[in-house]
Amino acid sequence: MSTVELKEFVVSALEALKGHDIQVLDVRKLTTVADYMVIASGTSNRQVKALANEVIERCEAAGYRTLGVEGESYGEWVLVDMGDVVAHIMLPQVRAFYNLEKLWNIPSAQGVKEQ
């Protein structure tokens, strides 16, 4: 599976459990840490944890190894690192406070339907 397919796989997992406001940021020109960041919101700590677990389970079932998971015990902001794709799943108030979309200052940040 390519990086683009992995990114789409992550988005699909988030959509399956009703993740909100899913955004895909192409950060290839800004960092070597990852190619894409996928950002989504959950309505509660429980949903944030469930979204992260769905991403992990689906990716591992497809043969991808999760490199790291942070924040899972609290469920306010869970980061799932799959190498070329990093998923940030947050409560809406945490997402608004950290505003990763603005932090990365990507003028062409697009939603799920990329051009």
PDB file of N, CA and C in Angstrom:
ATOM      1  N   MET A   1       0.842  -1.176   0.000  1.00  0.00           N
ATOM      2  CA  MET A   1       0.000   0.000   0.000  1.00  0.00           C
ATOM      3  C   MET A   1       0.888   1.240   0.000  1.00  0.00           C
ATOM      4  N   SER A   2       0.550   2.208  -0.807  1.00  0.00           N
ATOM      5  CA  SER A   2       1.325   3.444  -0.873  1.00  0.00           C
ATOM      6  C   SER A   2       0.928   4.386   0.263  1.00  0.00           C
ATOM      7  N   THR A   3       1.664   5.468   0.397  1.00  0.00           N
ATOM      8  CA  THR A   3       1.358   6.464   1.415  1.00  0.00           C
ATOM      9  C   THR A   3      -0.020   7.068   1.178  1.00  0.00           C
ATOM     10  N   VAL A   4      -0.361   7.306  -0.073  1.00  0.00           N
ATOM     11  CA  VAL A   4      -1.674   7.864  -0.395  1.00  0.00           C
ATOM     12  C   VAL A   4      -2.770   6.880   0.004  1.00  0.00           C
ATOM     13  N   GLU A   5      -2.550   5.607  -0.248  1.00  0.00           N
ATOM     14  CA  GLU A   5      -3.532   4.589   0.141  1.00  0.00           C
ATOM     15  C   GLU A   5      -3.651   4.503   1.661  1.00  0.00           C
ATOM     16  N   LEU A   6      -2.533   4.609   2.362  1.00  0.00           N
ATOM     17  CA  LEU A   6      -2.560   4.594   3.817  1.00  0.00           C
ATOM     18  C   LEU A   6      -3.360   5.780   4.340  1.00  0.00           C
ATOM     19  N   LYS A   7      -3.130   6.943   3.774  1.00  0.00           N
ATOM     20  CA  LYS A   7      -3.864   8.149   4.173  1.00  0.00           C
ATOM     21  C   LYS A   7      -5.361   7.939   3.970  1.00  0.00           C
ATOM     22  N   GLU A   8      -5.743   7.386   2.831  1.00  0.00           N
ATOM     23  CA  GLU A   8      -7.158   7.142   2.547  1.00  0.00           C
ATOM     24  C   GLU A   8      -7.731   6.084   3.480  1.00  0.00           C
ATOM     25  N   PHE A   9      -6.920   5.118   3.856  1.00  0.00           N
ATOM     26  CA  PHE A   9      -7.317   4.079   4.795  1.00  0.00           C
ATOM     27  C   PHE A   9      -7.621   4.696   6.155  1.00  0.00           C
ATOM     28  N   VAL A  10      -6.777   5.612   6.604  1.00  0.00           N
ATOM     29  CA  VAL A  10      -6.971   6.295   7.890  1.00  0.00           C
ATOM     30  C   VAL A  10      -8.264   7.109   7.850  1.00  0.00           C
ATOM     31  N   VAL A  11      -8.464   7.851   6.784  1.00  0.00           N
ATOM     32  CA  VAL A  11      -9.683   8.653   6.642  1.00  0.00           C
ATOM     33  C   VAL A  11     -10.912   7.753   6.672  1.00  0.00           C
ATOM     34  N   SER A  12     -10.850   6.642   5.974  1.00  0.00           N
ATOM     35  CA  SER A  12     -11.962   5.696   5.939  1.00  0.00           C
ATOM     36  C   SER A  12     -12.287   5.161   7.338  1.00  0.00           C
ATOM     37  N   ALA A  13     -11.260   4.847   8.115  1.00  0.00           N
ATOM     38  CA  ALA A  13     -11.461   4.353   9.478  1.00  0.00           C
ATOM     39  C   ALA A  13     -12.134   5.417  10.342  1.00  0.00           C
ATOM     40  N   LEU A  14     -11.719   6.667  10.174  1.00  0.00           N
ATOM     41  CA  LEU A  14     -12.313   7.763  10.940  1.00  0.00           C
ATOM     42  C   LEU A  14     -13.763   7.995  10.533  1.00  0.00           C
ATOM     43  N   GLU A  15     -14.035   7.913   9.248  1.00  0.00           N
ATOM     44  CA  GLU A  15     -15.404   8.085   8.762  1.00  0.00           C
ATOM     45  C   GLU A  15     -16.311   6.961   9.256  1.00  0.00           C
ATOM     46  N   ALA A  16     -15.767   5.755   9.350  1.00  0.00           N
ATOM     47  CA  ALA A  16     -16.559   4.590   9.763  1.00  0.00           C
ATOM     48  C   ALA A  16     -17.142   4.759  11.165  1.00  0.00           C
ATOM     49  N   LEU A  17     -16.413   5.441  12.037  1.00  0.00           N
ATOM     50  CA  LEU A  17     -16.898   5.659  13.404  1.00  0.00           C
ATOM     51  C   LEU A  17     -17.373   7.090  13.622  1.00  0.00           C
ATOM     52  N   LYS A  18     -17.736   7.742  12.535  1.00  0.00           N
ATOM     53  CA  LYS A  18     -18.344   9.083  12.586  1.00  0.00           C
ATOM     54  C   LYS A  18     -17.435  10.159  13.168  1.00  0.00           C
ATOM     55  N   GLY A  19     -16.153  10.135  12.783  1.00  0.00           N
ATOM     56  CA  GLY A  19     -15.251  11.215  13.154  1.00  0.00           C
ATOM     57  C   GLY A  19     -15.739  12.513  12.510  1.00  0.00           C
ATOM     58  N   HIS A  20     -15.550  13.616  13.190  1.00  0.00           N
ATOM     59  CA  HIS A  20     -16.041  14.911  12.709  1.00  0.00           C
ATOM     60  C   HIS A  20     -14.920  15.757  12.126  1.00  0.00           C
ATOM     61  N   ASP A  21     -15.288  16.592  11.161  1.00  0.00           N
ATOM     62  CA  ASP A  21     -14.394  17.606  10.574  1.00  0.00           C
ATOM     63  C   ASP A  21     -13.019  17.016  10.236  1.00  0.00           C
ATOM     64  N   ILE A  22     -13.017  15.979   9.438  1.00  0.00           N
ATOM     65  CA  ILE A  22     -11.770  15.315   9.055  1.00  0.00           C
ATOM     66  C   ILE A  22     -11.033  16.173   8.037  1.00  0.00           C
ATOM     67  N   GLN A  23      -9.791  16.494   8.352  1.00  0.00           N
ATOM     68  CA  GLN A  23      -8.950  17.303   7.476  1.00  0.00           C
ATOM     69  C   GLN A  23      -7.669  16.531   7.178  1.00  0.00           C
ATOM     70  N   VAL A  24      -7.225  16.630   5.935  1.00  0.00           N
ATOM     71  CA  VAL A  24      -5.964  16.010   5.529  1.00  0.00           C
ATOM     72  C   VAL A  24      -5.010  17.122   5.142  1.00  0.00           C
ATOM     73  N   LEU A  25      -3.862  17.172   5.812  1.00  0.00           N
ATOM     74  CA  LEU A  25      -2.846  18.178   5.511  1.00  0.00           C
ATOM     75  C   LEU A  25      -1.665  17.501   4.830  1.00  0.00           C
ATOM     76  N   ASP A  26      -1.310  18.001   3.670  1.00  0.00           N
ATOM     77  CA  ASP A  26      -0.135  17.522   2.945  1.00  0.00           C
ATOM     78  C   ASP A  26       1.055  18.327   3.451  1.00  0.00           C
ATOM     79  N   VAL A  27       1.917  17.693   4.237  1.00  0.00           N
ATOM     80  CA  VAL A  27       3.033  18.401   4.861  1.00  0.00           C
ATOM     81  C   VAL A  27       4.384  17.992   4.274  1.00  0.00           C
ATOM     82  N   ARG A  28       4.361  17.375   3.100  1.00  0.00           N
ATOM     83  CA  ARG A  28       5.605  16.883   2.492  1.00  0.00           C
ATOM     84  C   ARG A  28       6.631  17.981   2.258  1.00  0.00           C
ATOM     85  N   LYS A  29       6.176  19.190   1.945  1.00  0.00           N
ATOM     86  CA  LYS A  29       7.117  20.290   1.672  1.00  0.00           C
ATOM     87  C   LYS A  29       7.540  21.022   2.939  1.00  0.00           C
ATOM     88  N   LEU A  30       6.926  20.662   4.076  1.00  0.00           N
ATOM     89  CA  LEU A  30       7.188  21.381   5.316  1.00  0.00           C
ATOM     90  C   LEU A  30       8.013  20.611   6.328  1.00  0.00           C
ATOM     91  N   THR A  31       8.030  19.275   6.228  1.00  0.00           N
ATOM     92  CA  THR A  31       8.720  18.466   7.226  1.00  0.00           C
ATOM     93  C   THR A  31       9.085  17.110   6.635  1.00  0.00           C
ATOM     94  N   THR A  32      10.054  16.483   7.261  1.00  0.00           N
ATOM     95  CA  THR A  32      10.398  15.119   6.866  1.00  0.00           C
ATOM     96  C   THR A  32       9.816  14.105   7.854  1.00  0.00           C
ATOM     97  N   VAL A  33       9.109  14.580   8.849  1.00  0.00           N
ATOM     98  CA  VAL A  33       8.523  13.722   9.875  1.00  0.00           C
ATOM     99  C   VAL A  33       7.417  12.847   9.287  1.00  0.00           C
ATOM    100  N   ALA A  34       6.596  13.416   8.412  1.00  0.00           N
ATOM    101  CA  ALA A  34       5.477  12.686   7.816  1.00  0.00           C
ATOM    102  C   ALA A  34       5.128  13.333   6.485  1.00  0.00           C
ATOM    103  N   ASP A  35       4.391  12.595   5.668  1.00  0.00           N
ATOM    104  CA  ASP A  35       3.892  13.145   4.410  1.00  0.00           C
ATOM    105  C   ASP A  35       2.518  13.781   4.594  1.00  0.00           C
ATOM    106  N   TYR A  36       1.697  13.145   5.432  1.00  0.00           N
ATOM    107  CA  TYR A  36       0.334  13.633   5.658  1.00  0.00           C
ATOM    108  C   TYR A  36       0.006  13.632   7.133  1.00  0.00           C
ATOM    109  N   MET A  37      -0.779  14.626   7.541  1.00  0.00           N
ATOM    110  CA  MET A  37      -1.380  14.648   8.862  1.00  0.00           C
ATOM    111  C   MET A  37      -2.884  14.616   8.650  1.00  0.00           C
ATOM    112  N   VAL A  38      -3.517  13.702   9.338  1.00  0.00           N
ATOM    113  CA  VAL A  38      -4.969  13.602   9.282  1.00  0.00           C
ATOM    114  C   VAL A  38      -5.480  14.049  10.642  1.00  0.00           C
ATOM    115  N   ILE A  39      -6.361  15.039  10.641  1.00  0.00           N
ATOM    116  CA  ILE A  39      -6.876  15.613  11.872  1.00  0.00           C
ATOM    117  C   ILE A  39      -8.384  15.386  11.901  1.00  0.00           C
ATOM    118  N   ALA A  40      -8.882  14.909  13.036  1.00  0.00           N
ATOM    119  CA  ALA A  40     -10.315  14.672  13.189  1.00  0.00           C
ATOM    120  C   ALA A  40     -10.733  14.952  14.627  1.00  0.00           C
ATOM    121  N   SER A  41     -12.018  15.183  14.796  1.00  0.00           N
ATOM    122  CA  SER A  41     -12.574  15.409  16.124  1.00  0.00           C
ATOM    123  C   SER A  41     -13.528  14.293  16.495  1.00  0.00           C
ATOM    124  N   GLY A  42     -13.582  14.026  17.797  1.00  0.00           N
ATOM    125  CA  GLY A  42     -14.561  13.109  18.365  1.00  0.00           C
ATOM    126  C   GLY A  42     -15.408  13.873  19.353  1.00  0.00           C
ATOM    127  N   THR A  43     -16.611  13.402  19.616  1.00  0.00           N
ATOM    128  CA  THR A  43     -17.543  14.143  20.463  1.00  0.00           C
ATOM    129  C   THR A  43     -17.318  13.918  21.956  1.00  0.00           C
ATOM    130  N   SER A  44     -16.552  12.885  22.311  1.00  0.00           N
ATOM    131  CA  SER A  44     -16.285  12.587  23.720  1.00  0.00           C
ATOM    132  C   SER A  44     -14.945  11.880  23.833  1.00  0.00           C
ATOM    133  N   ASN A  45     -14.439  11.770  25.064  1.00  0.00           N
ATOM    134  CA  ASN A  45     -13.188  11.045  25.283  1.00  0.00           C
ATOM    135  C   ASN A  45     -13.312   9.613  24.772  1.00  0.00           C
ATOM    136  N   ARG A  46     -14.447   9.021  25.014  1.00  0.00           N
ATOM    137  CA  ARG A  46     -14.682   7.639  24.588  1.00  0.00           C
ATOM    138  C   ARG A  46     -14.625   7.522  23.060  1.00  0.00           C
ATOM    139  N   GLN A  47     -15.240   8.477  22.354  1.00  0.00           N
ATOM    140  CA  GLN A  47     -15.206   8.402  20.897  1.00  0.00           C
ATOM    141  C   GLN A  47     -13.804   8.670  20.362  1.00  0.00           C
ATOM    142  N   VAL A  48     -13.082   9.587  20.962  1.00  0.00           N
ATOM    143  CA  VAL A  48     -11.699   9.852  20.534  1.00  0.00           C
ATOM    144  C   VAL A  48     -10.873   8.575  20.644  1.00  0.00           C
ATOM    145  N   LYS A  49     -10.999   7.879  21.772  1.00  0.00           N
ATOM    146  CA  LYS A  49     -10.270   6.618  21.958  1.00  0.00           C
ATOM    147  C   LYS A  49     -10.714   5.574  20.942  1.00  0.00           C
ATOM    148  N   ALA A  50     -12.023   5.483  20.697  1.00  0.00           N
ATOM    149  CA  ALA A  50     -12.550   4.501  19.746  1.00  0.00           C
ATOM    150  C   ALA A  50     -12.067   4.795  18.326  1.00  0.00           C
ATOM    151  N   LEU A  51     -12.024   6.063  17.957  1.00  0.00           N
ATOM    152  CA  LEU A  51     -11.525   6.443  16.634  1.00  0.00           C
ATOM    153  C   LEU A  51     -10.063   6.039  16.477  1.00  0.00           C
ATOM    154  N   ALA A  52      -9.262   6.320  17.494  1.00  0.00           N
ATOM    155  CA  ALA A  52      -7.847   5.959  17.439  1.00  0.00           C
ATOM    156  C   ALA A  52      -7.687   4.444  17.331  1.00  0.00           C
ATOM    157  N   ASN A  53      -8.449   3.708  18.118  1.00  0.00           N
ATOM    158  CA  ASN A  53      -8.368   2.246  18.063  1.00  0.00           C
ATOM    159  C   ASN A  53      -8.785   1.705  16.706  1.00  0.00           C
ATOM    160  N   GLU A  54      -9.784   2.312  16.091  1.00  0.00           N
ATOM    161  CA  GLU A  54     -10.229   1.872  14.763  1.00  0.00           C
ATOM    162  C   GLU A  54      -9.125   2.095  13.725  1.00  0.00           C
ATOM    163  N   VAL A  55      -8.477   3.238  13.806  1.00  0.00           N
ATOM    164  CA  VAL A  55      -7.361   3.518  12.893  1.00  0.00           C
ATOM    165  C   VAL A  55      -6.264   2.470  13.083  1.00  0.00           C
ATOM    166  N   ILE A  56      -5.899   2.203  14.319  1.00  0.00           N
ATOM    167  CA  ILE A  56      -4.837   1.235  14.617  1.00  0.00           C
ATOM    168  C   ILE A  56      -5.213  -0.157  14.113  1.00  0.00           C
ATOM    169  N   GLU A  57      -6.407  -0.611  14.457  1.00  0.00           N
ATOM    170  CA  GLU A  57      -6.835  -1.954  14.074  1.00  0.00           C
ATOM    171  C   GLU A  57      -6.902  -2.132  12.566  1.00  0.00           C
ATOM    172  N   ARG A  58      -7.471  -1.155  11.867  1.00  0.00           N
ATOM    173  CA  ARG A  58      -7.581  -1.279  10.412  1.00  0.00           C
ATOM    174  C   ARG A  58      -6.216  -1.252   9.729  1.00  0.00           C
ATOM    175  N   CYS A  59      -5.353  -0.389  10.199  1.00  0.00           N
ATOM    176  CA  CYS A  59      -4.023  -0.297   9.592  1.00  0.00           C
ATOM    177  C   CYS A  59      -3.219  -1.568   9.843  1.00  0.00           C
ATOM    178  N   GLU A  60      -3.282  -2.082  11.058  1.00  0.00           N
ATOM    179  CA  GLU A  60      -2.545  -3.308  11.358  1.00  0.00           C
ATOM    180  C   GLU A  60      -3.127  -4.498  10.608  1.00  0.00           C
ATOM    181  N   ALA A  61      -4.448  -4.544  10.422  1.00  0.00           N
ATOM    182  CA  ALA A  61      -5.078  -5.619   9.648  1.00  0.00           C
ATOM    183  C   ALA A  61      -4.646  -5.572   8.184  1.00  0.00           C
ATOM    184  N   ALA A  62      -4.306  -4.376   7.706  1.00  0.00           N
ATOM    185  CA  ALA A  62      -3.861  -4.214   6.321  1.00  0.00           C
ATOM    186  C   ALA A  62      -2.352  -4.392   6.182  1.00  0.00           C
ATOM    187  N   GLY A  63      -1.675  -4.679   7.296  1.00  0.00           N
ATOM    188  CA  GLY A  63      -0.246  -4.945   7.230  1.00  0.00           C
ATOM    189  C   GLY A  63       0.637  -3.778   7.607  1.00  0.00           C
ATOM    190  N   TYR A  64       0.043  -2.685   8.068  1.00  0.00           N
ATOM    191  CA  TYR A  64       0.841  -1.547   8.514  1.00  0.00           C
ATOM    192  C   TYR A  64       1.106  -1.651   9.995  1.00  0.00           C
ATOM    193  N   ARG A  65       2.302  -1.267  10.367  1.00  0.00           N
ATOM    194  CA  ARG A  65       2.694  -1.289  11.770  1.00  0.00           C
ATOM    195  C   ARG A  65       2.547   0.117  12.340  1.00  0.00           C
ATOM    196  N   THR A  66       1.879   0.221  13.466  1.00  0.00           N
ATOM    197  CA  THR A  66       1.756   1.498  14.156  1.00  0.00           C
ATOM    198  C   THR A  66       3.067   1.758  14.889  1.00  0.00           C
ATOM    199  N   LEU A  67       3.680   2.899  14.633  1.00  0.00           N
ATOM    200  CA  LEU A  67       4.965   3.215  15.253  1.00  0.00           C
ATOM    201  C   LEU A  67       4.822   3.751  16.671  1.00  0.00           C
ATOM    202  N   GLY A  68       3.703   4.390  16.947  1.00  0.00           N
ATOM    203  CA  GLY A  68       3.502   4.935  18.279  1.00  0.00           C
ATOM    204  C   GLY A  68       2.111   5.485  18.459  1.00  0.00           C
ATOM    205  N   VAL A  69       1.671   5.494  19.706  1.00  0.00           N
ATOM    206  CA  VAL A  69       0.371   6.063  20.072  1.00  0.00           C
ATOM    207  C   VAL A  69       0.592   6.876  21.342  1.00  0.00           C
ATOM    208  N   GLU A  70       0.119   8.105  21.342  1.00  0.00           N
ATOM    209  CA  GLU A  70       0.264   8.981  22.508  1.00  0.00           C
ATOM    210  C   GLU A  70      -1.100   9.528  22.907  1.00  0.00           C
ATOM    211  N   GLY A  71      -1.335   9.662  24.190  1.00  0.00           N
ATOM    212  CA  GLY A  71      -2.536  10.304  24.706  1.00  0.00           C
ATOM    213  C   GLY A  71      -3.749   9.406  24.832  1.00  0.00           C
ATOM    214  N   GLU A  72      -3.568   8.129  24.614  1.00  0.00           N
ATOM    215  CA  GLU A  72      -4.706   7.218  24.611  1.00  0.00           C
ATOM    216  C   GLU A  72      -5.384   7.090  25.982  1.00  0.00           C
ATOM    217  N   SER A  73      -4.634   7.216  27.045  1.00  0.00           N
ATOM    218  CA  SER A  73      -5.213   7.035  28.373  1.00  0.00           C
ATOM    219  C   SER A  73      -6.185   8.157  28.749  1.00  0.00           C
ATOM    220  N   TYR A  74      -5.972   9.374  28.229  1.00  0.00           N
ATOM    221  CA  TYR A  74      -6.842  10.497  28.559  1.00  0.00           C
ATOM    222  C   TYR A  74      -7.964  10.681  27.543  1.00  0.00           C
ATOM    223  N   GLY A  75      -7.671  10.485  26.276  1.00  0.00           N
ATOM    224  CA  GLY A  75      -8.692  10.587  25.250  1.00  0.00           C
ATOM    225  C   GLY A  75      -9.061  11.998  24.852  1.00  0.00           C
ATOM    226  N   GLU A  76      -8.267  12.973  25.240  1.00  0.00           N
ATOM    227  CA  GLU A  76      -8.528  14.342  24.795  1.00  0.00           C
ATOM    228  C   GLU A  76      -7.870  14.603  23.439  1.00  0.00           C
ATOM    229  N   TRP A  77      -6.664  14.054  23.272  1.00  0.00           N
ATOM    230  CA  TRP A  77      -5.924  14.179  22.015  1.00  0.00           C
ATOM    231  C   TRP A  77      -5.098  12.907  21.883  1.00  0.00           C
ATOM    232  N   VAL A  78      -5.441  12.102  20.899  1.00  0.00           N
ATOM    233  CA  VAL A  78      -4.686  10.877  20.664  1.00  0.00           C
ATOM    234  C   VAL A  78      -3.951  11.030  19.344  1.00  0.00           C
ATOM    235  N   LEU A  79      -2.660  10.799  19.382  1.00  0.00           N
ATOM    236  CA  LEU A  79      -1.829  10.843  18.190  1.00  0.00           C
ATOM    237  C   LEU A  79      -1.478   9.405  17.813  1.00  0.00           C
ATOM    238  N   VAL A  80      -1.745   9.044  16.558  1.00  0.00           N
ATOM    239  CA  VAL A  80      -1.406   7.720  16.055  1.00  0.00           C
ATOM    240  C   VAL A  80      -0.386   7.919  14.936  1.00  0.00           C
ATOM    241  N   ASP A  81       0.829   7.434  15.161  1.00  0.00           N
ATOM    242  CA  ASP A  81       1.935   7.600  14.220  1.00  0.00           C
ATOM    243  C   ASP A  81       2.108   6.322  13.403  1.00  0.00           C
ATOM    244  N   MET A  82       1.905   6.451  12.092  1.00  0.00           N
ATOM    245  CA  MET A  82       2.114   5.326  11.189  1.00  0.00           C
ATOM    246  C   MET A  82       3.235   5.628  10.201  1.00  0.00           C
ATOM    247  N   GLY A  83       4.161   6.474  10.624  1.00  0.00           N
ATOM    248  CA  GLY A  83       5.296   6.813   9.779  1.00  0.00           C
ATOM    249  C   GLY A  83       4.962   7.950   8.834  1.00  0.00           C
ATOM    250  N   ASP A  84       4.583   7.619   7.622  1.00  0.00           N
ATOM    251  CA  ASP A  84       4.293   8.643   6.620  1.00  0.00           C
ATOM    252  C   ASP A  84       2.968   9.355   6.858  1.00  0.00           C
ATOM    253  N   VAL A  85       2.122   8.774   7.676  1.00  0.00           N
ATOM    254  CA  VAL A  85       0.823   9.371   8.002  1.00  0.00           C
ATOM    255  C   VAL A  85       0.686   9.427   9.521  1.00  0.00           C
ATOM    256  N   VAL A  86       0.354  10.606  10.023  1.00  0.00           N
ATOM    257  CA  VAL A  86       0.143  10.796  11.459  1.00  0.00           C
ATOM    258  C   VAL A  86      -1.288  11.284  11.647  1.00  0.00           C
ATOM    259  N   ALA A  87      -2.038  10.584  12.487  1.00  0.00           N
ATOM    260  CA  ALA A  87      -3.416  10.968  12.774  1.00  0.00           C
ATOM    261  C   ALA A  87      -3.488  11.666  14.124  1.00  0.00           C
ATOM    262  N   HIS A  88      -4.162  12.805  14.154  1.00  0.00           N
ATOM    263  CA  HIS A  88      -4.421  13.553  15.385  1.00  0.00           C
ATOM    264  C   HIS A  88      -5.931  13.516  15.593  1.00  0.00           C
ATOM    265  N   ILE A  89      -6.368  12.880  16.663  1.00  0.00           N
ATOM    266  CA  ILE A  89      -7.792  12.769  16.938  1.00  0.00           C
ATOM    267  C   ILE A  89      -8.036  13.471  18.260  1.00  0.00           C
ATOM    268  N   MET A  90      -8.914  14.492  18.257  1.00  0.00           N
ATOM    269  CA  MET A  90      -9.040  15.366  19.418  1.00  0.00           C
ATOM    270  C   MET A  90     -10.479  15.692  19.754  1.00  0.00           C
ATOM    271  N   LEU A  91     -10.672  16.096  20.987  1.00  0.00           N
ATOM    272  CA  LEU A  91     -11.933  16.715  21.368  1.00  0.00           C
ATOM    273  C   LEU A  91     -12.003  18.086  20.697  1.00  0.00           C
ATOM    274  N   PRO A  92     -13.189  18.573  20.359  1.00  0.00           N
ATOM    275  CA  PRO A  92     -13.295  19.861  19.652  1.00  0.00           C
ATOM    276  C   PRO A  92     -12.613  21.027  20.365  1.00  0.00           C
ATOM    277  N   GLN A  93     -12.742  21.111  21.702  1.00  0.00           N
ATOM    278  CA  GLN A  93     -12.128  22.240  22.408  1.00  0.00           C
ATOM    279  C   GLN A  93     -10.606  22.156  22.393  1.00  0.00           C
ATOM    280  N   VAL A  94     -10.061  20.960  22.431  1.00  0.00           N
ATOM    281  CA  VAL A  94      -8.607  20.780  22.356  1.00  0.00           C
ATOM    282  C   VAL A  94      -8.134  21.147  20.952  1.00  0.00           C
ATOM    283  N   ARG A  95      -8.877  20.709  19.959  1.00  0.00           N
ATOM    284  CA  ARG A  95      -8.523  21.023  18.573  1.00  0.00           C
ATOM    285  C   ARG A  95      -8.569  22.525  18.316  1.00  0.00           C
ATOM    286  N   ALA A  96      -9.571  23.185  18.837  1.00  0.00           N
ATOM    287  CA  ALA A  96      -9.679  24.641  18.661  1.00  0.00           C
ATOM    288  C   ALA A  96      -8.521  25.360  19.350  1.00  0.00           C
ATOM    289  N   PHE A  97      -8.125  24.880  20.527  1.00  0.00           N
ATOM    290  CA  PHE A  97      -7.038  25.518  21.264  1.00  0.00           C
ATOM    291  C   PHE A  97      -5.706  25.390  20.540  1.00  0.00           C
ATOM    292  N   TYR A  98      -5.377  24.182  20.069  1.00  0.00           N
ATOM    293  CA  TYR A  98      -4.077  23.956  19.423  1.00  0.00           C
ATOM    294  C   TYR A  98      -4.073  24.328  17.951  1.00  0.00           C
ATOM    295  N   ASN A  99      -5.215  24.278  17.309  1.00  0.00           N
ATOM    296  CA  ASN A  99      -5.404  24.718  15.923  1.00  0.00           C
ATOM    297  C   ASN A  99      -4.238  24.303  15.014  1.00  0.00           C
ATOM    298  N   LEU A 100      -4.051  23.009  14.881  1.00  0.00           N
ATOM    299  CA  LEU A 100      -2.937  22.489  14.082  1.00  0.00           C
ATOM    300  C   LEU A 100      -2.983  22.953  12.631  1.00  0.00           C
ATOM    301  N   GLU A 101      -4.176  23.134  12.104  1.00  0.00           N
ATOM    302  CA  GLU A 101      -4.283  23.596  10.717  1.00  0.00           C
ATOM    303  C   GLU A 101      -3.607  24.953  10.556  1.00  0.00           C
ATOM    304  N   LYS A 102      -3.831  25.847  11.513  1.00  0.00           N
ATOM    305  CA  LYS A 102      -3.199  27.163  11.446  1.00  0.00           C
ATOM    306  C   LYS A 102      -1.715  27.067  11.793  1.00  0.00           C
ATOM    307  N   LEU A 103      -1.385  26.217  12.769  1.00  0.00           N
ATOM    308  CA  LEU A 103       0.011  26.046  13.179  1.00  0.00           C
ATOM    309  C   LEU A 103       0.883  25.655  11.995  1.00  0.00           C
ATOM    310  N   TRP A 104       0.388  24.718  11.184  1.00  0.00           N
ATOM    311  CA  TRP A 104       1.145  24.292  10.018  1.00  0.00           C
ATOM    312  C   TRP A 104       1.034  25.292   8.883  1.00  0.00           C
ATOM    313  N   ASN A 105       0.117  26.273   9.022  1.00  0.00           N
ATOM    314  CA  ASN A 105      -0.005  27.391   8.081  1.00  0.00           C
ATOM    315  C   ASN A 105       0.023  26.935   6.631  1.00  0.00           C
ATOM    316  N   ILE A 106      -0.867  26.033   6.329  1.00  0.00           N
ATOM    317  CA  ILE A 106      -0.930  25.499   4.972  1.00  0.00           C
ATOM    318  C   ILE A 106      -2.097  26.172   4.266  1.00  0.00           C
ATOM    319  N   PRO A 107      -1.798  27.091   3.335  1.00  0.00           N
ATOM    320  CA  PRO A 107      -2.883  27.809   2.678  1.00  0.00           C
ATOM    321  C   PRO A 107      -3.798  26.899   1.869  1.00  0.00           C
ATOM    322  N   SER A 108      -3.301  25.772   1.400  1.00  0.00           N
ATOM    323  CA  SER A 108      -4.132  24.889   0.582  1.00  0.00           C
ATOM    324  C   SER A 108      -4.603  23.674   1.367  1.00  0.00           C
ATOM    325  N   ALA A 109      -4.691  23.804   2.700  1.00  0.00           N
ATOM    326  CA  ALA A 109      -5.178  22.666   3.487  1.00  0.00           C
ATOM    327  C   ALA A 109      -6.577  22.309   3.002  1.00  0.00           C
ATOM    328  N   GLN A 110      -6.739  21.044   2.682  1.00  0.00           N
ATOM    329  CA  GLN A 110      -7.995  20.614   2.078  1.00  0.00           C
ATOM    330  C   GLN A 110      -8.646  19.595   2.971  1.00  0.00           C
ATOM    331  N   GLY A 111      -9.924  19.439   2.797  1.00  0.00           N
ATOM    332  CA  GLY A 111     -10.663  18.424   3.521  1.00  0.00           C
ATOM    333  C   GLY A 111     -10.392  17.046   2.935  1.00  0.00           C
ATOM    334  N   VAL A 112     -11.265  16.150   3.204  1.00  0.00           N
ATOM    335  CA  VAL A 112     -11.089  14.767   2.796  1.00  0.00           C
ATOM    336  C   VAL A 112     -10.996  14.639   1.286  1.00  0.00           C
ATOM    337  N   LYS A 113     -11.733  15.435   0.590  1.00  0.00           N
ATOM    338  CA  LYS A 113     -11.737  15.334  -0.882  1.00  0.00           C
ATOM    339  C   LYS A 113     -10.633  16.221  -1.447  1.00  0.00           C
ATOM    340  N   GLU A 114      -9.480  15.655  -1.611  1.00  0.00           N
ATOM    341  CA  GLU A 114      -8.341  16.395  -2.144  1.00  0.00           C
ATOM    342  C   GLU A 114      -8.432  16.474  -3.655  1.00  0.00           C
ATOM    343  N   GLN A 115      -7.804  17.492  -4.192  1.00  0.00           N
ATOM    344  CA  GLN A 115      -7.783  17.659  -5.650  1.00  0.00           C
ATOM    345  C   GLN A 115      -6.502  17.127  -6.223  1.00  0.00           C
TER     346      GLN A 115
END
